[in-house]
Protein backbone atom coordinates (compact mmCIF):
# COMPACT_ATOMS: atom_id res chain seq x y z
CA UNK A 1 33.58 105.03 -48.67
CA UNK A 2 35.07 104.36 -44.73
CA UNK A 3 37.17 102.39 -44.22
CA UNK A 4 37.78 100.68 -40.35
CA UNK A 5 41.33 102.58 -40.87
CA UNK A 6 39.53 106.28 -40.82
CA UNK A 7 37.63 104.84 -37.76
CA UNK A 8 41.31 104.16 -35.79
CA UNK A 9 41.59 105.75 -32.52
CA UNK A 10 44.81 107.00 -32.49
CA UNK A 11 46.02 104.08 -29.70
CA UNK A 12 49.31 102.36 -31.07
CA UNK A 13 51.32 99.22 -29.62
CA UNK A 14 53.18 101.55 -27.52
CA UNK A 15 50.25 102.86 -25.39
CA UNK A 16 49.34 99.13 -24.33
CA UNK A 17 49.96 97.60 -20.83
CA UNK A 18 52.89 94.91 -22.37
CA UNK A 19 54.63 95.00 -24.83
CA UNK A 20 54.18 94.37 -28.31
CA UNK A 21 56.56 93.00 -30.55
CA UNK A 22 59.70 95.25 -28.53
CA UNK A 23 62.97 95.08 -28.95
CA UNK A 24 63.21 91.61 -26.89
CA UNK A 25 61.41 89.54 -29.09
CA UNK A 26 63.80 88.70 -32.58
CA UNK A 27 63.69 90.77 -35.57
CA UNK A 28 62.22 88.21 -37.73
CA UNK A 29 58.94 88.34 -36.15
CA UNK A 30 57.99 91.74 -35.40
CA UNK A 31 56.47 92.57 -38.92
CA UNK A 32 54.17 89.55 -38.69
CA UNK A 33 53.15 90.61 -34.90
CA UNK A 34 53.06 94.40 -35.57
CA UNK A 35 50.70 93.26 -38.46
CA UNK A 36 48.54 91.38 -36.02
CA UNK A 37 48.41 94.03 -33.73
CA UNK A 38 47.62 96.97 -36.11
CA UNK A 39 44.48 94.25 -37.47
CA UNK A 40 43.30 93.87 -33.70
CA UNK A 41 43.59 97.34 -32.78
CA UNK A 42 41.55 98.61 -35.91
CA UNK A 43 38.79 95.93 -34.93
CA UNK A 44 38.85 96.95 -31.32
CA UNK A 45 38.39 100.56 -32.35
CA UNK A 46 35.44 99.63 -34.18
CA UNK A 47 33.85 97.79 -31.99
CA UNK A 48 34.76 100.46 -28.90
CA UNK A 49 33.59 103.09 -30.86
CA UNK A 50 31.56 105.67 -29.10
CA UNK A 51 29.15 106.61 -32.09
CA UNK A 52 28.84 104.21 -34.51
CA UNK A 53 25.33 102.08 -34.69
CA UNK A 54 25.86 98.53 -33.84
CA UNK A 55 24.69 97.78 -37.33
CA UNK A 56 27.61 99.73 -38.72
CA UNK A 57 29.99 98.12 -36.17
CA UNK A 58 29.38 94.69 -37.32
CA UNK A 59 29.38 95.22 -41.05
CA UNK A 60 33.07 96.81 -40.73
CA UNK A 61 33.96 93.48 -38.73
CA UNK A 62 32.66 91.46 -41.30
CA UNK A 63 34.81 93.53 -43.97
CA UNK A 64 37.59 93.15 -42.00
CA UNK A 65 36.77 89.52 -41.75
CA UNK A 66 36.52 89.22 -45.48
CA UNK A 67 39.78 91.01 -45.98
CA UNK A 68 41.51 88.39 -44.08
CA UNK A 69 40.07 85.67 -45.71
CA UNK A 70 40.73 86.70 -49.18
CA UNK A 71 37.54 87.63 -50.58
CA UNK A 72 37.89 91.59 -50.60
CA UNK A 73 41.12 94.01 -50.61
CA UNK A 74 39.05 97.22 -49.09
CA UNK A 75 40.37 96.95 -45.67
CA UNK A 76 44.01 97.56 -45.71
CA UNK A 77 44.86 96.26 -42.18
CA UNK A 78 43.10 93.02 -43.30
CA UNK A 79 45.27 92.63 -46.33
CA UNK A 80 48.60 93.16 -44.69
CA UNK A 81 47.82 90.61 -42.03
CA UNK A 82 46.56 87.86 -44.62
CA UNK A 83 49.92 88.55 -46.79
CA UNK A 84 52.17 88.52 -43.99
CA UNK A 85 50.28 85.44 -42.74
CA UNK A 86 50.45 83.59 -45.86
CA UNK A 87 54.27 84.81 -45.91
CA UNK A 88 54.61 82.30 -42.92
CA UNK A 89 52.22 79.27 -43.79
CA UNK A 90 50.35 80.42 -41.07
CA UNK A 91 46.39 80.20 -40.46
CA UNK A 92 44.00 83.53 -39.54
CA UNK A 93 42.20 81.14 -36.85
CA UNK A 94 43.29 83.36 -33.98
CA UNK A 95 42.35 86.75 -35.92
CA UNK A 96 39.20 85.08 -36.76
CA UNK A 97 38.65 84.12 -33.02
CA UNK A 98 39.55 87.98 -32.16
CA UNK A 99 37.03 89.21 -34.40
CA UNK A 100 34.06 87.12 -32.66
CA UNK A 101 35.30 88.68 -29.49
CA UNK A 102 34.78 92.13 -30.91
CA UNK A 103 31.13 91.04 -32.11
CA UNK A 104 30.00 90.09 -28.71
CA UNK A 105 31.38 93.75 -27.56
CA UNK A 106 29.23 94.90 -29.82
CA UNK A 107 26.03 93.09 -28.90
CA UNK A 108 26.62 91.70 -25.24
CA UNK A 109 26.67 94.15 -22.58
CA UNK A 110 26.67 92.37 -19.60
CA UNK A 111 28.50 89.15 -17.95
CA UNK A 112 26.61 86.96 -15.36
CA UNK A 113 29.82 85.35 -13.70
CA UNK A 114 33.45 84.40 -13.99
CA UNK A 115 32.70 81.13 -16.11
CA UNK A 116 30.94 83.55 -18.80
CA UNK A 117 34.05 86.49 -18.74
CA UNK A 118 37.04 83.50 -19.01
CA UNK A 119 34.72 82.64 -22.10
CA UNK A 120 34.69 85.83 -23.40
CA UNK A 121 38.41 85.84 -22.79
CA UNK A 122 39.12 82.70 -24.82
CA UNK A 123 38.07 84.60 -27.68
CA UNK A 124 39.69 88.44 -27.06
CA UNK A 125 42.89 87.49 -25.02
CA UNK A 126 44.05 83.60 -25.06
CA UNK A 127 44.14 84.29 -29.06
CA UNK A 128 46.70 86.71 -28.98
CA UNK A 129 49.25 84.50 -26.84
CA UNK A 130 48.39 81.68 -28.66
CA UNK A 131 49.26 83.55 -31.93
CA UNK A 132 52.64 84.97 -31.27
CA UNK A 133 53.80 81.12 -29.68
CA UNK A 134 52.78 80.09 -33.07
CA UNK A 135 55.09 83.11 -34.85
CA UNK A 136 58.16 81.52 -32.72
CA UNK A 137 56.91 77.79 -33.70
CA UNK A 138 56.50 76.84 -29.96
CA UNK A 139 54.52 74.00 -29.17
CA UNK A 140 50.64 73.86 -28.43
CA UNK A 141 51.57 72.36 -25.28
CA UNK A 142 52.37 75.95 -23.73
CA UNK A 143 48.87 77.13 -24.90
CA UNK A 144 47.16 76.40 -21.14
CA UNK A 145 50.24 78.29 -19.51
CA UNK A 146 49.47 81.16 -22.39
CA UNK A 147 45.65 80.87 -21.89
CA UNK A 148 45.94 82.13 -18.28
CA UNK A 149 48.28 84.86 -18.36
CA UNK A 150 46.08 86.10 -21.83
CA UNK A 151 42.85 85.92 -19.46
CA UNK A 152 44.77 87.79 -16.64
CA UNK A 153 45.57 90.78 -19.01
CA UNK A 154 42.24 91.22 -20.39
CA UNK A 155 40.70 90.94 -16.91
CA UNK A 156 43.10 93.63 -15.37
CA UNK A 157 42.06 95.82 -18.53
CA UNK A 158 38.35 95.50 -17.37
CA UNK A 159 39.24 96.39 -13.79
CA UNK A 160 41.71 99.46 -14.47
CA UNK A 161 38.94 100.68 -17.27
CA UNK A 162 35.49 99.22 -15.87
CA UNK A 163 34.26 102.90 -15.14
CA UNK A 164 35.02 104.10 -18.57
CA UNK A 165 33.84 101.32 -20.14
CA UNK A 166 30.53 101.67 -18.27
CA UNK A 167 30.06 105.64 -18.61
CA UNK A 168 31.35 105.31 -22.33
CA UNK A 169 30.22 102.21 -23.76
CA UNK A 170 27.27 100.88 -21.09
CA UNK A 171 29.60 97.76 -21.30
CA UNK A 172 30.30 95.67 -17.99
CA UNK A 173 32.79 93.17 -17.60
CA UNK A 174 32.42 92.84 -13.91
CA UNK A 175 30.19 89.70 -13.29
CA UNK A 176 26.98 90.49 -12.05
CA UNK A 177 27.20 87.77 -9.60
CA UNK A 178 30.02 89.14 -8.21
CA UNK A 179 28.78 92.60 -7.76
CA UNK A 180 25.58 91.40 -6.20
CA UNK A 181 27.73 89.43 -3.90
CA UNK A 182 29.01 92.66 -2.37
CA UNK A 183 26.05 94.66 -2.12
CA UNK A 184 27.21 96.64 -5.20
CA UNK A 185 25.56 97.88 -8.46
CA UNK A 186 26.26 98.53 -12.11
CA UNK A 187 25.48 101.86 -11.45
CA UNK A 188 27.77 102.82 -9.15
CA UNK A 189 30.52 102.29 -11.99
CA UNK A 190 29.74 105.78 -13.22
CA UNK A 191 30.83 107.37 -9.78
CA UNK A 192 33.58 109.70 -9.09
CA UNK A 193 34.64 107.26 -6.31
CA UNK A 194 33.93 103.77 -5.71
CA UNK A 195 31.94 102.60 -2.77
CA UNK A 196 33.01 100.37 -0.23
CA UNK A 197 30.81 97.65 -1.45
CA UNK A 198 31.86 98.24 -5.09
CA UNK A 199 35.84 98.22 -4.04
CA UNK A 200 35.19 95.21 -2.11
CA UNK A 201 33.90 93.42 -5.61
CA UNK A 202 36.99 94.81 -7.66
CA UNK A 203 39.51 93.73 -4.93
CA UNK A 204 38.11 90.25 -4.83
CA UNK A 205 38.11 90.21 -8.74
CA UNK A 206 41.57 91.10 -8.75
CA UNK A 207 42.43 88.51 -6.22
CA UNK A 208 41.23 85.79 -8.46
CA UNK A 209 43.65 87.44 -11.30
CA UNK A 210 46.60 86.92 -9.35
CA UNK A 211 45.71 83.11 -8.99
CA UNK A 212 45.22 83.04 -12.90
CA UNK A 213 48.47 84.73 -13.28
CA UNK A 214 50.26 81.91 -10.72
CA UNK A 215 48.31 79.29 -13.35
CA UNK A 216 51.02 80.69 -16.04
CA UNK A 217 54.03 81.01 -13.95
CA UNK A 218 55.78 78.01 -16.01
CA UNK A 219 54.97 79.21 -19.07
CA UNK A 220 58.52 81.53 -19.62
CA UNK A 221 60.14 77.55 -18.92
CA UNK A 222 57.90 75.97 -20.96
CA UNK A 223 58.93 78.28 -24.45
CA UNK A 224 62.17 77.42 -25.90
CA UNK A 225 62.78 81.02 -27.42
CA UNK A 226 65.31 82.34 -25.04
CA UNK A 227 63.68 86.19 -26.23
CA UNK A 228 60.22 85.29 -26.24
CA UNK A 229 60.82 83.92 -22.12
CA UNK A 230 62.24 87.27 -21.90
CA UNK A 231 59.44 88.76 -22.98
CA UNK A 232 56.80 86.63 -21.79
CA UNK A 233 58.43 87.15 -17.84
CA UNK A 234 58.54 91.29 -18.38
CA UNK A 235 54.65 90.86 -19.66
CA UNK A 236 53.82 88.76 -16.07
CA UNK A 237 55.82 90.59 -14.24
CA UNK A 238 53.79 94.31 -15.46
CA UNK A 239 50.53 92.20 -14.78
CA UNK A 240 51.47 91.01 -11.82
CA UNK A 241 52.07 94.69 -10.10
CA UNK A 242 48.55 95.97 -12.21
CA UNK A 243 47.02 93.32 -10.12
CA UNK A 244 48.58 94.47 -6.97
CA UNK A 245 47.40 97.73 -7.62
CA UNK A 246 43.77 96.77 -8.26
CA UNK A 247 44.39 95.56 -4.48
CA UNK A 248 45.27 98.82 -3.21
CA UNK A 249 43.61 101.59 -5.18
CA UNK A 250 40.20 102.88 -6.61
CA UNK A 251 40.43 102.47 -10.37
CA UNK A 252 37.30 105.14 -10.54
CA UNK A 253 39.22 107.45 -8.88
CA UNK A 254 43.08 106.36 -8.48
CA UNK A 255 45.53 105.85 -11.00
CA UNK A 256 46.20 102.16 -11.44
CA UNK A 257 48.49 102.25 -14.61
CA UNK A 258 52.30 101.46 -14.87
CA UNK A 259 54.42 104.99 -15.83
CA UNK A 260 57.43 104.10 -17.60
CA UNK A 261 59.98 104.56 -14.77
CA UNK A 262 58.28 101.75 -13.04
CA UNK A 263 57.67 99.47 -16.37
CA UNK A 264 61.36 100.04 -17.05
CA UNK A 265 62.67 98.89 -13.82
CA UNK A 266 59.86 95.93 -14.18
CA UNK A 267 61.46 95.02 -17.30
CA UNK A 268 65.19 94.78 -16.27
CA UNK A 269 64.77 93.01 -12.92
CA UNK A 270 62.12 90.14 -15.18
CA UNK A 271 64.76 89.66 -17.90
CA UNK A 272 67.37 89.00 -15.47
CA UNK A 273 65.05 86.79 -13.73
CA UNK A 274 63.78 84.80 -16.63
CA UNK A 275 67.72 84.14 -17.53
CA UNK A 276 69.01 83.24 -14.56
CA UNK A 277 65.63 81.05 -14.32
CA UNK A 278 66.76 79.30 -17.43
CA UNK A 279 70.20 79.37 -16.64
CA UNK A 280 69.73 77.11 -13.97
CA UNK A 281 66.70 74.94 -15.03
CA UNK A 282 67.54 71.76 -16.46
CA UNK A 283 66.18 71.89 -19.71
CA UNK A 284 62.54 73.66 -20.62
CA UNK A 285 59.86 72.24 -19.52
CA UNK A 286 57.71 71.35 -23.20
CA UNK A 287 59.91 70.28 -26.23
CA UNK A 288 57.62 68.32 -27.99
CA UNK A 289 57.04 69.23 -32.23
CA UNK A 290 56.24 73.18 -32.23
CA UNK A 291 52.51 73.24 -33.65
CA UNK A 292 51.00 75.92 -35.92
């Protein structure tokens, strides 16, 4: 029997555009966050698998959900996450929301407008931030700012990989109305270089993403855990730099990913800035009872 684990792409948390359970996070949280990541990465690799039929993908995603809910022990990553969540008394709701997004990846190949894309992000990205906040016992009042940051991270990724997604999976996250507004077509995503029209469309979306990121500017001061605040500051720093690259470069023909030296420099600056802002602020903005 082929398991979900057998279909992993080989990508790990070290290959992401943002830190996952990095050394900044308190060690007591890392194992649970990595269990969540491995479950999500496995499901994502299934949804993105180039040679699996849609029915097979959906069946495997259903098996992962069954394992998460204790109805099966066949999928290793699901069992590990289920046990890790139970050990902390946390719900599987965020992982289940992500499975909804991966089912959408299998069945929905086009997005009409920005609102449709954000709706997708409410399942594909926002649950990740909410999960990390829950792990740290943070208030649900932090969710709106976190949602904005997570949606921006997701859309950055869509813009970076727009050509690959189209060529490999015929999947297009660039809103259809944005393409039409600039006189660009879906087929142009398969070209070696972006046309003037397509580049203008992608740069407009990168600008909208910068506005999304600004909607999450308060998050690092809203959380009570200082180490988490530093991790958030690093993630936001990476995201802002990627958005700037997307406004200045062609993702079809130029590199729009961060290199390790750049990430290291951004990380140090972000951590120092976060610590300074927390030291000079009167108190974290959100002190309400943590929600799970």
